Every structure is written in structure tokens, then in C-alpha cells.
Amino acid sequence: MARCRSKLPLGARVPIVPSGFRYTKNKRWTARLNIGEAVYLEDFLSRQLLLSYMEQRVPELSGLSTAGNHEQWFVQRLGW
């Protein structure tokens, strides 16, 4: 049996990629996957800010809400 050798080293930056499906139905159902910009936990001042960002971004990518103000997230994210 083969061993898995793709373990990440401790402290590795792991991208978190927001994504959402948009479904449409004409004669049959179609699903479209929309992928947002990757973010990193370290880019946010807190885990709560990252969670809030993802809670806004995923519905936007899914077509469930109108586009939000991403500038506010980047300001909070980068600590400006």
C-alpha cells in the first residue's frame, strides 16, 4: 500500500478559496462554479473577520446577493 507524502509542513500558508455554484434551469439544470480570489487566515486581523468575509463572498459567488463592498474587507484584512 502506498504512503501519502503530501503532508504540509507546520506553519504552511494554506489558501482558502471562496466559491459558489449558480444554478439555472431551462430545459435542464445547469450548474456553474464561480471561484473567487484565494485568501489566507494570516491576511485578516481575526478569524471572525475571515469568517464574515467568507459569509458575504460565497453568496455573492452563488448569485444569492448583490455585490458587496470588497474594499472594506481588504482594509480590515491588511490592517490599513
Protein backbone atom coordinates (compact mmCIF):
# COMPACT_ATOMS: atom_id res chain seq x y z
CA MET A 1 0.00 0.00 0.00
CA ALA A 2 1.40 3.42 -0.96
CA ARG A 3 2.02 6.08 1.68
CA CYS A 4 0.76 9.63 1.37
CA ARG A 5 3.71 12.02 1.12
CA SER A 6 1.80 15.24 0.51
CA LYS A 7 1.72 16.44 4.11
CA LEU A 8 2.15 20.18 4.63
CA PRO A 9 4.89 21.40 6.94
CA LEU A 10 3.80 23.09 10.16
CA GLY A 11 3.16 26.78 9.61
CA ALA A 12 2.48 26.39 5.87
CA ARG A 13 0.17 29.04 4.39
CA VAL A 14 -2.94 27.31 3.12
CA PRO A 15 -5.15 29.23 0.68
CA ILE A 16 -8.86 29.45 1.42
CA VAL A 17 -10.78 29.80 -1.82
CA PRO A 18 -14.34 31.11 -1.73
CA SER A 19 -16.57 29.51 -4.32
CA GLY A 20 -20.22 29.27 -5.17
CA PHE A 21 -22.50 27.44 -7.57
CA ARG A 22 -25.05 29.23 -9.73
CA TYR A 23 -27.86 27.02 -10.94
CA THR A 24 -30.09 27.72 -13.92
CA LYS A 25 -32.91 25.69 -15.40
CA ASN A 26 -34.04 25.92 -18.97
CA LYS A 27 -34.83 22.54 -20.46
CA ARG A 28 -32.44 21.01 -17.94
CA TRP A 29 -30.45 22.10 -14.91
CA THR A 30 -27.04 23.70 -15.38
CA ALA A 31 -24.54 24.41 -12.60
CA ARG A 32 -21.76 26.95 -12.95
CA LEU A 33 -18.91 27.06 -10.43
CA ASN A 34 -17.61 30.55 -9.68
CA ILE A 35 -14.26 30.74 -7.91
CA GLY A 36 -13.15 33.83 -6.01
CA GLU A 37 -9.72 35.12 -5.07
CA ALA A 38 -7.77 32.98 -2.61
CA VAL A 39 -7.29 34.46 0.86
CA TYR A 40 -5.22 33.40 3.84
CA LEU A 41 -6.04 33.40 7.54
CA GLU A 42 -2.89 35.45 8.18
CA ASP A 43 -4.23 38.25 5.93
CA PHE A 44 -7.08 39.01 8.36
CA LEU A 45 -6.84 40.66 11.75
CA SER A 46 -9.01 37.92 13.28
CA ARG A 47 -10.69 34.64 12.43
CA GLN A 48 -14.05 36.37 12.83
CA LEU A 49 -13.19 38.85 10.05
CA LEU A 50 -12.22 35.97 7.77
CA LEU A 51 -15.48 34.19 8.58
CA SER A 52 -17.51 37.36 7.95
CA TYR A 53 -15.74 37.87 4.63
CA MET A 54 -16.50 34.31 3.54
CA GLU A 55 -20.13 34.59 4.68
CA GLN A 56 -20.52 37.56 2.33
CA ARG A 57 -18.41 36.31 -0.55
CA VAL A 58 -19.89 32.81 -1.02
CA PRO A 59 -23.49 34.05 -1.54
CA GLU A 60 -22.18 36.67 -3.98
CA LEU A 61 -20.39 33.99 -6.00
CA SER A 62 -23.58 31.90 -5.86
CA GLY A 63 -25.70 34.75 -7.20
CA LEU A 64 -27.74 34.97 -4.00
CA SER A 65 -26.84 38.55 -3.08
CA THR A 66 -25.72 41.74 -4.76
CA ALA A 67 -22.06 42.59 -4.98
CA GLY A 68 -20.75 43.96 -1.72
CA ASN A 69 -18.07 46.47 -0.86
CA HIS A 70 -14.88 44.41 -1.02
CA GLU A 71 -12.74 47.44 -0.28
CA GLN A 72 -13.80 47.31 3.38
CA TRP A 73 -12.59 43.72 3.64
CA PHE A 74 -9.21 44.50 2.14
CA VAL A 75 -8.76 47.41 4.55
CA GLN A 76 -9.60 45.17 7.52
CA ARG A 77 -7.71 42.26 6.04
CA LEU A 78 -4.48 44.16 5.55
CA GLY A 79 -4.83 46.24 8.69
CA TRP A 80 -4.91 49.63 6.95
